[in-house]
């Protein structure tokens, strides 16, 4: 019962912060709302017993990608004065297109059947645990895992050599 309530609260907060991403007029605030959305989604991953996905979501998306977005937004130096005036026909067309998309979405989702659980306490499984992922990676998939690590190391060495060679030719 408590897990269901927490999941519903996290889902509602994730949807609300995602709406704020779209509705916010300031681009930096939109990016910050997107970071908050990623944290709520990570909370939902934890509620689904997928701790690895939650940590990867926080590290990769909320960390690296959002820093990149903020960096690009700061470099763009967006000004309302320099922005060209959008014709009203564009606003009308985009409103009609958004409305049609909403109608298609409603039509696609109208026949959905929601399945409810009889028990609020589902049996605890170990599917999403990091320990099981590590055991699988280092037993069943150890050769592809090591081959991919060698591939990543060779790509890093190649990038460093290319960058060093370009720097020497420029000097």
N, C-alpha and C. Protein backbone atom coordinates (compact mmCIF):
# COMPACT_ATOMS: atom_id res chain seq x y z
N UNK A 1 0.82 -1.18 0.00
CA UNK A 1 0.00 0.00 0.00
C UNK A 1 0.86 1.26 0.00
N UNK A 2 1.86 1.29 0.89
CA UNK A 2 2.74 2.47 0.96
C UNK A 2 3.56 2.60 -0.31
N UNK A 3 4.04 1.44 -0.83
CA UNK A 3 4.83 1.47 -2.07
C UNK A 3 4.01 2.01 -3.23
N UNK A 4 2.74 1.65 -3.28
CA UNK A 4 1.87 2.14 -4.35
C UNK A 4 1.68 3.65 -4.24
N UNK A 5 1.50 4.13 -3.03
CA UNK A 5 1.30 5.57 -2.83
C UNK A 5 2.57 6.34 -3.19
N UNK A 6 3.73 5.83 -2.76
CA UNK A 6 4.99 6.50 -3.09
C UNK A 6 5.21 6.52 -4.60
N UNK A 7 4.90 5.39 -5.26
CA UNK A 7 5.06 5.33 -6.72
C UNK A 7 4.14 6.32 -7.42
N UNK A 8 2.91 6.43 -6.96
CA UNK A 8 1.97 7.38 -7.56
C UNK A 8 2.41 8.82 -7.33
N UNK A 9 2.93 9.12 -6.14
CA UNK A 9 3.42 10.47 -5.87
C UNK A 9 4.63 10.79 -6.74
N UNK A 10 5.57 9.85 -6.84
CA UNK A 10 6.73 10.07 -7.70
C UNK A 10 6.33 10.25 -9.16
N UNK A 11 5.36 9.45 -9.62
CA UNK A 11 4.89 9.58 -11.00
C UNK A 11 4.24 10.93 -11.25
N UNK A 12 3.42 11.37 -10.31
CA UNK A 12 2.75 12.66 -10.46
C UNK A 12 3.77 13.80 -10.45
N UNK A 13 4.75 13.72 -9.57
CA UNK A 13 5.78 14.76 -9.53
C UNK A 13 6.64 14.75 -10.79
N UNK A 14 6.90 13.55 -11.33
CA UNK A 14 7.67 13.47 -12.58
C UNK A 14 6.89 14.10 -13.73
N UNK A 15 5.59 13.83 -13.80
CA UNK A 15 4.77 14.42 -14.87
C UNK A 15 4.68 15.94 -14.69
N UNK A 16 4.52 16.39 -13.43
CA UNK A 16 4.42 17.83 -13.18
C UNK A 16 5.72 18.55 -13.54
N UNK A 17 6.86 17.98 -13.17
CA UNK A 17 8.12 18.64 -13.51
C UNK A 17 8.40 18.56 -15.01
N UNK A 18 7.94 17.50 -15.67
CA UNK A 18 8.09 17.43 -17.13
C UNK A 18 7.22 18.48 -17.81
N UNK A 19 6.04 18.73 -17.26
CA UNK A 19 5.20 19.81 -17.80
C UNK A 19 5.87 21.17 -17.61
N UNK A 20 6.55 21.34 -16.48
CA UNK A 20 7.25 22.61 -16.25
C UNK A 20 8.41 22.79 -17.21
N UNK A 21 9.01 21.68 -17.68
CA UNK A 21 10.06 21.79 -18.70
C UNK A 21 9.48 22.43 -19.95
N UNK A 22 8.31 22.00 -20.33
CA UNK A 22 7.69 22.49 -21.56
C UNK A 22 7.11 23.90 -21.36
N UNK A 23 6.54 24.16 -20.20
CA UNK A 23 5.83 25.43 -20.00
C UNK A 23 6.73 26.58 -19.55
N UNK A 24 7.93 26.28 -19.09
CA UNK A 24 8.81 27.33 -18.62
C UNK A 24 9.32 28.17 -19.79
N UNK A 25 9.30 29.48 -19.62
CA UNK A 25 9.71 30.38 -20.69
C UNK A 25 11.21 30.62 -20.70
N UNK A 26 11.88 30.36 -19.59
CA UNK A 26 13.32 30.58 -19.49
C UNK A 26 14.04 29.24 -19.75
N UNK A 27 14.97 29.19 -20.71
CA UNK A 27 15.58 27.90 -21.07
C UNK A 27 16.41 27.27 -19.95
N UNK A 28 17.07 28.06 -19.14
CA UNK A 28 17.88 27.49 -18.06
C UNK A 28 16.96 26.85 -17.02
N UNK A 29 15.83 27.48 -16.74
CA UNK A 29 14.87 26.88 -15.81
C UNK A 29 14.30 25.58 -16.38
N UNK A 30 14.09 25.54 -17.68
CA UNK A 30 13.61 24.30 -18.30
C UNK A 30 14.61 23.17 -18.11
N UNK A 31 15.89 23.46 -18.27
CA UNK A 31 16.92 22.44 -18.08
C UNK A 31 16.94 21.99 -16.62
N UNK A 32 16.79 22.92 -15.70
CA UNK A 32 16.78 22.55 -14.28
C UNK A 32 15.56 21.71 -13.93
N UNK A 33 14.41 22.04 -14.51
CA UNK A 33 13.23 21.20 -14.31
C UNK A 33 13.45 19.81 -14.90
N UNK A 34 14.19 19.73 -16.01
CA UNK A 34 14.49 18.43 -16.60
C UNK A 34 15.37 17.60 -15.68
N UNK A 35 16.30 18.24 -14.98
CA UNK A 35 17.13 17.53 -14.00
C UNK A 35 16.24 16.98 -12.88
N UNK A 36 15.30 17.79 -12.41
CA UNK A 36 14.38 17.34 -11.37
C UNK A 36 13.55 16.16 -11.88
N UNK A 37 13.12 16.22 -13.13
CA UNK A 37 12.37 15.12 -13.72
C UNK A 37 13.19 13.84 -13.73
N UNK A 38 14.47 13.95 -14.08
CA UNK A 38 15.34 12.76 -14.08
C UNK A 38 15.49 12.18 -12.68
N UNK A 39 15.53 13.02 -11.66
CA UNK A 39 15.62 12.51 -10.29
C UNK A 39 14.34 11.77 -9.91
N UNK A 40 13.19 12.29 -10.29
CA UNK A 40 11.94 11.60 -10.00
C UNK A 40 11.85 10.27 -10.75
N UNK A 41 12.33 10.25 -11.99
CA UNK A 41 12.34 9.01 -12.75
C UNK A 41 13.29 8.00 -12.10
N UNK A 42 14.41 8.47 -11.57
CA UNK A 42 15.30 7.57 -10.85
C UNK A 42 14.62 7.01 -9.61
N UNK A 43 13.82 7.82 -8.94
CA UNK A 43 13.04 7.33 -7.81
C UNK A 43 12.06 6.23 -8.23
N UNK A 44 11.46 6.40 -9.41
CA UNK A 44 10.57 5.36 -9.92
C UNK A 44 11.34 4.09 -10.24
N UNK A 45 12.56 4.23 -10.78
CA UNK A 45 13.39 3.05 -11.03
C UNK A 45 13.69 2.32 -9.72
N UNK A 46 13.97 3.06 -8.67
CA UNK A 46 14.25 2.44 -7.38
C UNK A 46 13.01 1.71 -6.87
N UNK A 47 11.84 2.30 -7.07
CA UNK A 47 10.61 1.64 -6.65
C UNK A 47 10.36 0.36 -7.45
N UNK A 48 10.89 0.27 -8.66
CA UNK A 48 10.75 -0.93 -9.47
C UNK A 48 11.89 -1.92 -9.23
N UNK A 49 12.73 -1.65 -8.22
CA UNK A 49 13.85 -2.51 -7.86
C UNK A 49 14.90 -2.57 -8.97
N UNK A 50 15.13 -1.45 -9.63
CA UNK A 50 16.15 -1.35 -10.68
C UNK A 50 17.16 -0.29 -10.27
N UNK A 51 17.95 -0.60 -9.24
CA UNK A 51 18.87 0.37 -8.68
C UNK A 51 19.95 0.78 -9.67
N UNK A 52 20.41 -0.16 -10.49
CA UNK A 52 21.45 0.16 -11.46
C UNK A 52 20.96 1.21 -12.46
N UNK A 53 19.74 1.04 -12.97
CA UNK A 53 19.18 2.02 -13.90
C UNK A 53 19.01 3.38 -13.24
N UNK A 54 18.65 3.38 -11.96
CA UNK A 54 18.48 4.65 -11.25
C UNK A 54 19.81 5.39 -11.14
N UNK A 55 20.87 4.69 -10.79
CA UNK A 55 22.18 5.32 -10.65
C UNK A 55 22.70 5.78 -12.01
N UNK A 56 22.54 4.96 -13.03
CA UNK A 56 22.99 5.36 -14.38
C UNK A 56 22.20 6.56 -14.86
N UNK A 57 20.90 6.60 -14.57
CA UNK A 57 20.07 7.74 -14.96
C UNK A 57 20.57 9.02 -14.29
N UNK A 58 20.90 8.94 -13.02
CA UNK A 58 21.39 10.13 -12.32
C UNK A 58 22.76 10.55 -12.84
N UNK A 59 23.66 9.59 -13.00
CA UNK A 59 25.02 9.93 -13.41
C UNK A 59 25.05 10.44 -14.85
N UNK A 60 24.43 9.69 -15.76
CA UNK A 60 24.54 10.03 -17.18
C UNK A 60 23.63 11.19 -17.55
N UNK A 61 22.35 11.07 -17.26
CA UNK A 61 21.42 12.08 -17.73
C UNK A 61 21.42 13.33 -16.85
N UNK A 62 21.17 13.15 -15.55
CA UNK A 62 21.10 14.32 -14.68
C UNK A 62 22.47 14.96 -14.50
N UNK A 63 23.52 14.20 -14.66
CA UNK A 63 24.86 14.75 -14.51
C UNK A 63 25.42 15.27 -15.81
N UNK A 64 25.84 14.35 -16.66
CA UNK A 64 26.61 14.72 -17.85
C UNK A 64 25.78 15.44 -18.91
N UNK A 65 24.65 14.90 -19.28
CA UNK A 65 23.86 15.49 -20.36
C UNK A 65 23.33 16.86 -19.96
N UNK A 66 22.87 17.02 -18.74
CA UNK A 66 22.33 18.31 -18.32
C UNK A 66 23.42 19.37 -18.20
N UNK A 67 24.62 18.97 -17.79
CA UNK A 67 25.74 19.92 -17.78
C UNK A 67 26.03 20.37 -19.21
N UNK A 68 25.97 19.44 -20.14
CA UNK A 68 26.18 19.79 -21.55
C UNK A 68 25.10 20.75 -22.04
N UNK A 69 23.84 20.49 -21.70
CA UNK A 69 22.76 21.39 -22.10
C UNK A 69 22.96 22.79 -21.52
N UNK A 70 23.28 22.85 -20.23
CA UNK A 70 23.50 24.16 -19.61
C UNK A 70 24.67 24.88 -20.25
N UNK A 71 25.72 24.16 -20.57
CA UNK A 71 26.89 24.76 -21.21
C UNK A 71 26.51 25.34 -22.57
N UNK A 72 25.74 24.60 -23.35
CA UNK A 72 25.31 25.08 -24.67
C UNK A 72 24.40 26.29 -24.52
N UNK A 73 23.49 26.26 -23.57
CA UNK A 73 22.59 27.40 -23.36
C UNK A 73 23.35 28.65 -22.95
N UNK A 74 24.36 28.47 -22.12
CA UNK A 74 25.16 29.64 -21.71
C UNK A 74 25.95 30.19 -22.89
N UNK A 75 26.41 29.31 -23.78
CA UNK A 75 27.18 29.77 -24.93
C UNK A 75 26.29 30.45 -25.97
N UNK A 76 25.03 30.03 -26.07
CA UNK A 76 24.15 30.60 -27.09
C UNK A 76 23.77 32.05 -26.80
N UNK A 77 23.74 32.43 -25.53
CA UNK A 77 23.40 33.80 -25.14
C UNK A 77 22.07 34.22 -25.76
N UNK A 78 21.02 33.54 -25.34
CA UNK A 78 19.69 33.78 -25.91
C UNK A 78 19.12 35.10 -25.42
N UNK A 79 18.72 35.94 -26.36
CA UNK A 79 18.09 37.22 -26.05
C UNK A 79 16.74 37.29 -26.74
N UNK A 80 15.75 37.82 -26.04
CA UNK A 80 14.44 38.00 -26.67
C UNK A 80 14.49 39.09 -27.72
N UNK A 81 15.37 40.08 -27.55
CA UNK A 81 15.46 41.19 -28.51
C UNK A 81 15.98 40.72 -29.86
N UNK A 82 16.93 39.79 -29.86
CA UNK A 82 17.53 39.33 -31.11
C UNK A 82 16.68 38.26 -31.80
N UNK A 83 15.67 37.74 -31.11
CA UNK A 83 14.84 36.69 -31.66
C UNK A 83 13.85 37.27 -32.68
N UNK A 84 13.75 36.64 -33.87
CA UNK A 84 12.80 37.18 -34.87
C UNK A 84 11.36 36.91 -34.44
N UNK A 85 10.47 37.77 -34.88
CA UNK A 85 9.04 37.66 -34.57
C UNK A 85 8.45 36.50 -35.35
N UNK A 86 7.75 35.62 -34.65
CA UNK A 86 7.14 34.46 -35.28
C UNK A 86 5.79 34.86 -35.85
N UNK A 87 5.54 34.55 -37.12
CA UNK A 87 4.24 34.89 -37.72
C UNK A 87 3.10 34.13 -37.03
N UNK A 88 1.93 34.72 -37.03
CA UNK A 88 0.79 34.10 -36.34
C UNK A 88 0.33 32.82 -37.04
N UNK A 89 0.60 32.68 -38.34
CA UNK A 89 0.22 31.45 -39.04
C UNK A 89 0.98 30.25 -38.48
N UNK A 90 2.23 30.48 -38.05
CA UNK A 90 3.03 29.40 -37.45
C UNK A 90 2.39 28.96 -36.13
N UNK A 91 1.91 29.92 -35.35
CA UNK A 91 1.25 29.59 -34.08
C UNK A 91 -0.02 28.79 -34.34
N UNK A 92 -0.77 29.15 -35.35
CA UNK A 92 -2.01 28.44 -35.67
C UNK A 92 -1.71 27.02 -36.13
N UNK A 93 -0.73 26.88 -37.01
CA UNK A 93 -0.37 25.56 -37.52
C UNK A 93 0.15 24.66 -36.40
N UNK A 94 0.98 25.21 -35.52
CA UNK A 94 1.52 24.40 -34.43
C UNK A 94 0.42 24.01 -33.44
N UNK A 95 -0.55 24.88 -33.21
CA UNK A 95 -1.66 24.54 -32.32
C UNK A 95 -2.52 23.44 -32.91
N UNK A 96 -2.79 23.52 -34.20
CA UNK A 96 -3.58 22.47 -34.87
C UNK A 96 -2.81 21.15 -34.85
N UNK A 97 -1.50 21.19 -35.13
CA UNK A 97 -0.69 19.97 -35.13
C UNK A 97 -0.64 19.35 -33.74
N UNK A 98 -0.50 20.18 -32.70
CA UNK A 98 -0.50 19.67 -31.33
C UNK A 98 -1.84 19.05 -30.96
N UNK A 99 -2.93 19.69 -31.37
CA UNK A 99 -4.26 19.15 -31.11
C UNK A 99 -4.49 17.83 -31.81
N UNK A 100 -4.04 17.72 -33.07
CA UNK A 100 -4.18 16.46 -33.79
C UNK A 100 -3.35 15.36 -33.14
N UNK A 101 -2.15 15.71 -32.69
CA UNK A 101 -1.32 14.73 -31.99
C UNK A 101 -2.01 14.25 -30.71
N UNK A 102 -2.61 15.17 -29.97
CA UNK A 102 -3.33 14.83 -28.75
C UNK A 102 -4.51 13.90 -29.06
N UNK A 103 -5.25 14.16 -30.15
CA UNK A 103 -6.36 13.30 -30.53
C UNK A 103 -5.89 11.91 -30.91
N UNK A 104 -4.78 11.82 -31.65
CA UNK A 104 -4.23 10.51 -32.02
C UNK A 104 -3.79 9.75 -30.78
N UNK A 105 -3.19 10.46 -29.83
CA UNK A 105 -2.76 9.83 -28.59
C UNK A 105 -3.95 9.30 -27.79
N UNK A 106 -5.01 10.09 -27.71
CA UNK A 106 -6.22 9.66 -27.01
C UNK A 106 -6.84 8.45 -27.72
N UNK A 107 -6.88 8.47 -29.04
CA UNK A 107 -7.45 7.36 -29.79
C UNK A 107 -6.62 6.09 -29.61
N UNK A 108 -5.31 6.24 -29.51
CA UNK A 108 -4.47 5.06 -29.33
C UNK A 108 -4.60 4.49 -27.92
N UNK A 109 -4.85 5.34 -26.95
CA UNK A 109 -4.90 4.88 -25.56
C UNK A 109 -6.30 4.56 -25.05
N UNK A 110 -7.32 4.73 -25.88
CA UNK A 110 -8.69 4.55 -25.38
C UNK A 110 -9.01 3.08 -25.10
N UNK A 111 -8.36 2.15 -25.76
CA UNK A 111 -8.66 0.74 -25.56
C UNK A 111 -7.71 0.06 -24.58
N UNK A 112 -6.99 0.82 -23.82
CA UNK A 112 -6.05 0.25 -22.85
C UNK A 112 -6.82 -0.41 -21.72
N UNK A 113 -6.35 -1.55 -21.31
CA UNK A 113 -6.94 -2.25 -20.18
C UNK A 113 -5.94 -2.20 -19.04
N UNK A 114 -6.35 -1.59 -17.94
CA UNK A 114 -5.48 -1.50 -16.77
C UNK A 114 -5.65 -2.75 -15.92
N UNK A 115 -4.52 -3.36 -15.56
CA UNK A 115 -4.54 -4.56 -14.75
C UNK A 115 -4.14 -4.16 -13.34
N UNK A 116 -4.95 -4.53 -12.39
CA UNK A 116 -4.63 -4.21 -11.00
C UNK A 116 -4.12 -5.46 -10.29
N UNK A 117 -3.22 -5.25 -9.35
CA UNK A 117 -2.71 -6.37 -8.57
C UNK A 117 -3.68 -6.68 -7.44
N UNK A 118 -3.76 -7.95 -7.10
CA UNK A 118 -4.62 -8.34 -5.99
C UNK A 118 -3.94 -7.99 -4.67
N UNK A 119 -2.63 -8.17 -4.62
CA UNK A 119 -1.89 -7.87 -3.40
C UNK A 119 -1.05 -6.62 -3.63
N UNK A 120 -1.02 -5.77 -2.63
CA UNK A 120 -0.16 -4.59 -2.73
C UNK A 120 1.30 -4.95 -2.54
N UNK A 121 1.57 -6.08 -1.91
CA UNK A 121 2.94 -6.50 -1.68
C UNK A 121 3.30 -7.58 -2.68
N UNK A 122 3.96 -7.16 -3.74
CA UNK A 122 4.40 -8.11 -4.75
C UNK A 122 5.61 -8.86 -4.21
N UNK A 123 5.81 -10.09 -4.65
CA UNK A 123 7.00 -10.81 -4.19
C UNK A 123 8.27 -10.09 -4.63
N UNK A 124 9.20 -10.00 -3.69
CA UNK A 124 10.45 -9.28 -3.96
C UNK A 124 11.32 -10.14 -4.85
N UNK A 125 11.74 -9.57 -5.97
CA UNK A 125 12.63 -10.29 -6.87
C UNK A 125 13.97 -9.58 -6.90
N UNK A 126 14.95 -10.28 -7.36
CA UNK A 126 16.31 -9.74 -7.41
C UNK A 126 16.70 -9.38 -8.84
N UNK A 127 15.73 -9.08 -9.68
CA UNK A 127 16.01 -8.86 -11.10
C UNK A 127 16.84 -7.60 -11.33
N UNK A 128 16.52 -6.50 -10.69
CA UNK A 128 17.18 -5.24 -10.99
C UNK A 128 18.39 -4.92 -10.13
N UNK A 129 18.83 -5.84 -9.31
CA UNK A 129 19.93 -5.55 -8.41
C UNK A 129 21.27 -5.51 -9.13
N UNK A 130 22.16 -4.68 -8.67
CA UNK A 130 23.48 -4.53 -9.29
C UNK A 130 24.29 -5.80 -9.10
N UNK A 131 24.10 -6.47 -7.99
CA UNK A 131 24.84 -7.71 -7.72
C UNK A 131 24.57 -8.76 -8.79
N UNK A 132 23.30 -8.90 -9.17
CA UNK A 132 22.95 -9.87 -10.21
C UNK A 132 23.50 -9.45 -11.57
N UNK A 133 23.48 -8.15 -11.85
CA UNK A 133 24.05 -7.66 -13.10
C UNK A 133 25.54 -7.96 -13.15
N UNK A 134 26.25 -7.70 -12.04
CA UNK A 134 27.68 -7.99 -11.98
C UNK A 134 27.98 -9.46 -12.14
N UNK A 135 27.21 -10.31 -11.48
CA UNK A 135 27.41 -11.76 -11.63
C UNK A 135 27.20 -12.21 -13.07
N UNK A 136 26.17 -11.66 -13.70
CA UNK A 136 25.92 -12.04 -15.10
C UNK A 136 27.01 -11.52 -16.03
N UNK A 137 27.45 -10.28 -15.81
CA UNK A 137 28.49 -9.72 -16.67
C UNK A 137 29.81 -10.46 -16.54
N UNK A 138 30.17 -10.86 -15.33
CA UNK A 138 31.48 -11.45 -15.11
C UNK A 138 31.48 -12.97 -15.12
N UNK A 139 30.35 -13.60 -15.43
CA UNK A 139 30.33 -15.05 -15.61
C UNK A 139 29.91 -15.41 -17.03
N UNK A 140 28.68 -15.09 -17.37
CA UNK A 140 28.14 -15.48 -18.67
C UNK A 140 28.65 -14.61 -19.81
N UNK A 141 28.82 -13.31 -19.58
CA UNK A 141 29.20 -12.39 -20.64
C UNK A 141 30.58 -11.78 -20.42
N UNK A 142 31.51 -12.53 -19.84
CA UNK A 142 32.82 -11.95 -19.53
C UNK A 142 33.63 -11.64 -20.79
N UNK A 143 33.55 -12.47 -21.81
CA UNK A 143 34.33 -12.23 -23.04
C UNK A 143 33.83 -11.00 -23.79
N UNK A 144 32.52 -10.86 -24.06
CA UNK A 144 32.08 -9.62 -24.72
C UNK A 144 32.34 -8.37 -23.87
N UNK A 145 32.25 -8.51 -22.54
CA UNK A 145 32.52 -7.37 -21.66
C UNK A 145 33.97 -6.93 -21.79
N UNK A 146 34.90 -7.87 -21.80
CA UNK A 146 36.32 -7.53 -21.92
C UNK A 146 36.66 -7.03 -23.32
N UNK A 147 36.03 -7.58 -24.34
CA UNK A 147 36.27 -7.10 -25.71
C UNK A 147 35.80 -5.66 -25.85
N UNK A 148 34.65 -5.34 -25.25
CA UNK A 148 34.16 -3.95 -25.32
C UNK A 148 35.09 -3.02 -24.55
N UNK A 149 35.67 -3.47 -23.43
CA UNK A 149 36.61 -2.61 -22.70
C UNK A 149 37.86 -2.36 -23.53
N UNK A 150 38.35 -3.37 -24.24
CA UNK A 150 39.52 -3.18 -25.12
C UNK A 150 39.17 -2.22 -26.26
N UNK A 151 37.96 -2.33 -26.79
CA UNK A 151 37.51 -1.42 -27.84
C UNK A 151 37.47 0.01 -27.34
N UNK A 152 36.95 0.23 -26.13
CA UNK A 152 36.90 1.58 -25.56
C UNK A 152 38.29 2.14 -25.30
N UNK A 153 39.20 1.31 -24.81
CA UNK A 153 40.57 1.78 -24.56
C UNK A 153 41.24 2.15 -25.87
N UNK A 154 41.08 1.32 -26.91
CA UNK A 154 41.70 1.66 -28.19
C UNK A 154 41.09 2.92 -28.80
N UNK A 155 39.80 3.15 -28.60
CA UNK A 155 39.18 4.39 -29.09
C UNK A 155 39.73 5.60 -28.36
N UNK A 156 39.94 5.49 -27.04
CA UNK A 156 40.51 6.60 -26.27
C UNK A 156 41.94 6.90 -26.70
N UNK A 157 42.74 5.84 -26.90
CA UNK A 157 44.12 6.04 -27.34
C UNK A 157 44.14 6.68 -28.72
N UNK A 158 43.27 6.23 -29.61
CA UNK A 158 43.20 6.82 -30.95
C UNK A 158 42.80 8.29 -30.90
N UNK A 159 41.83 8.63 -30.05
CA UNK A 159 41.41 10.03 -29.93
C UNK A 159 42.55 10.89 -29.38
N UNK A 160 43.27 10.37 -28.42
CA UNK A 160 44.39 11.13 -27.86
C UNK A 160 45.48 11.33 -28.90
N UNK A 161 45.79 10.28 -29.65
CA UNK A 161 46.82 10.41 -30.69
C UNK A 161 46.40 11.38 -31.79
N UNK A 162 45.14 11.33 -32.19
CA UNK A 162 44.66 12.27 -33.21
C UNK A 162 44.70 13.71 -32.69
N UNK A 163 44.30 13.91 -31.46
CA UNK A 163 44.32 15.25 -30.89
C UNK A 163 45.74 15.77 -30.74
N UNK A 164 46.65 14.90 -30.35
CA UNK A 164 48.05 15.30 -30.18
C UNK A 164 48.68 15.63 -31.53
N UNK A 165 48.37 14.83 -32.55
CA UNK A 165 48.94 15.07 -33.87
C UNK A 165 48.43 16.38 -34.45
N UNK A 166 47.13 16.69 -34.29
CA UNK A 166 46.58 17.94 -34.78
C UNK A 166 47.19 19.13 -34.04
N UNK A 167 47.46 18.98 -32.79
CA UNK A 167 48.06 20.06 -32.01
C UNK A 167 49.49 20.33 -32.45
N UNK A 168 50.24 19.26 -32.77
CA UNK A 168 51.62 19.44 -33.21
C UNK A 168 51.68 20.09 -34.59
N UNK A 169 50.75 19.76 -35.48
CA UNK A 169 50.78 20.35 -36.81
C UNK A 169 50.34 21.82 -36.78
N UNK A 170 49.49 22.18 -35.80
CA UNK A 170 49.06 23.58 -35.70
C UNK A 170 50.20 24.44 -35.20
N UNK A 171 50.96 23.95 -34.23
CA UNK A 171 52.07 24.72 -33.67
C UNK A 171 53.13 24.85 -34.70
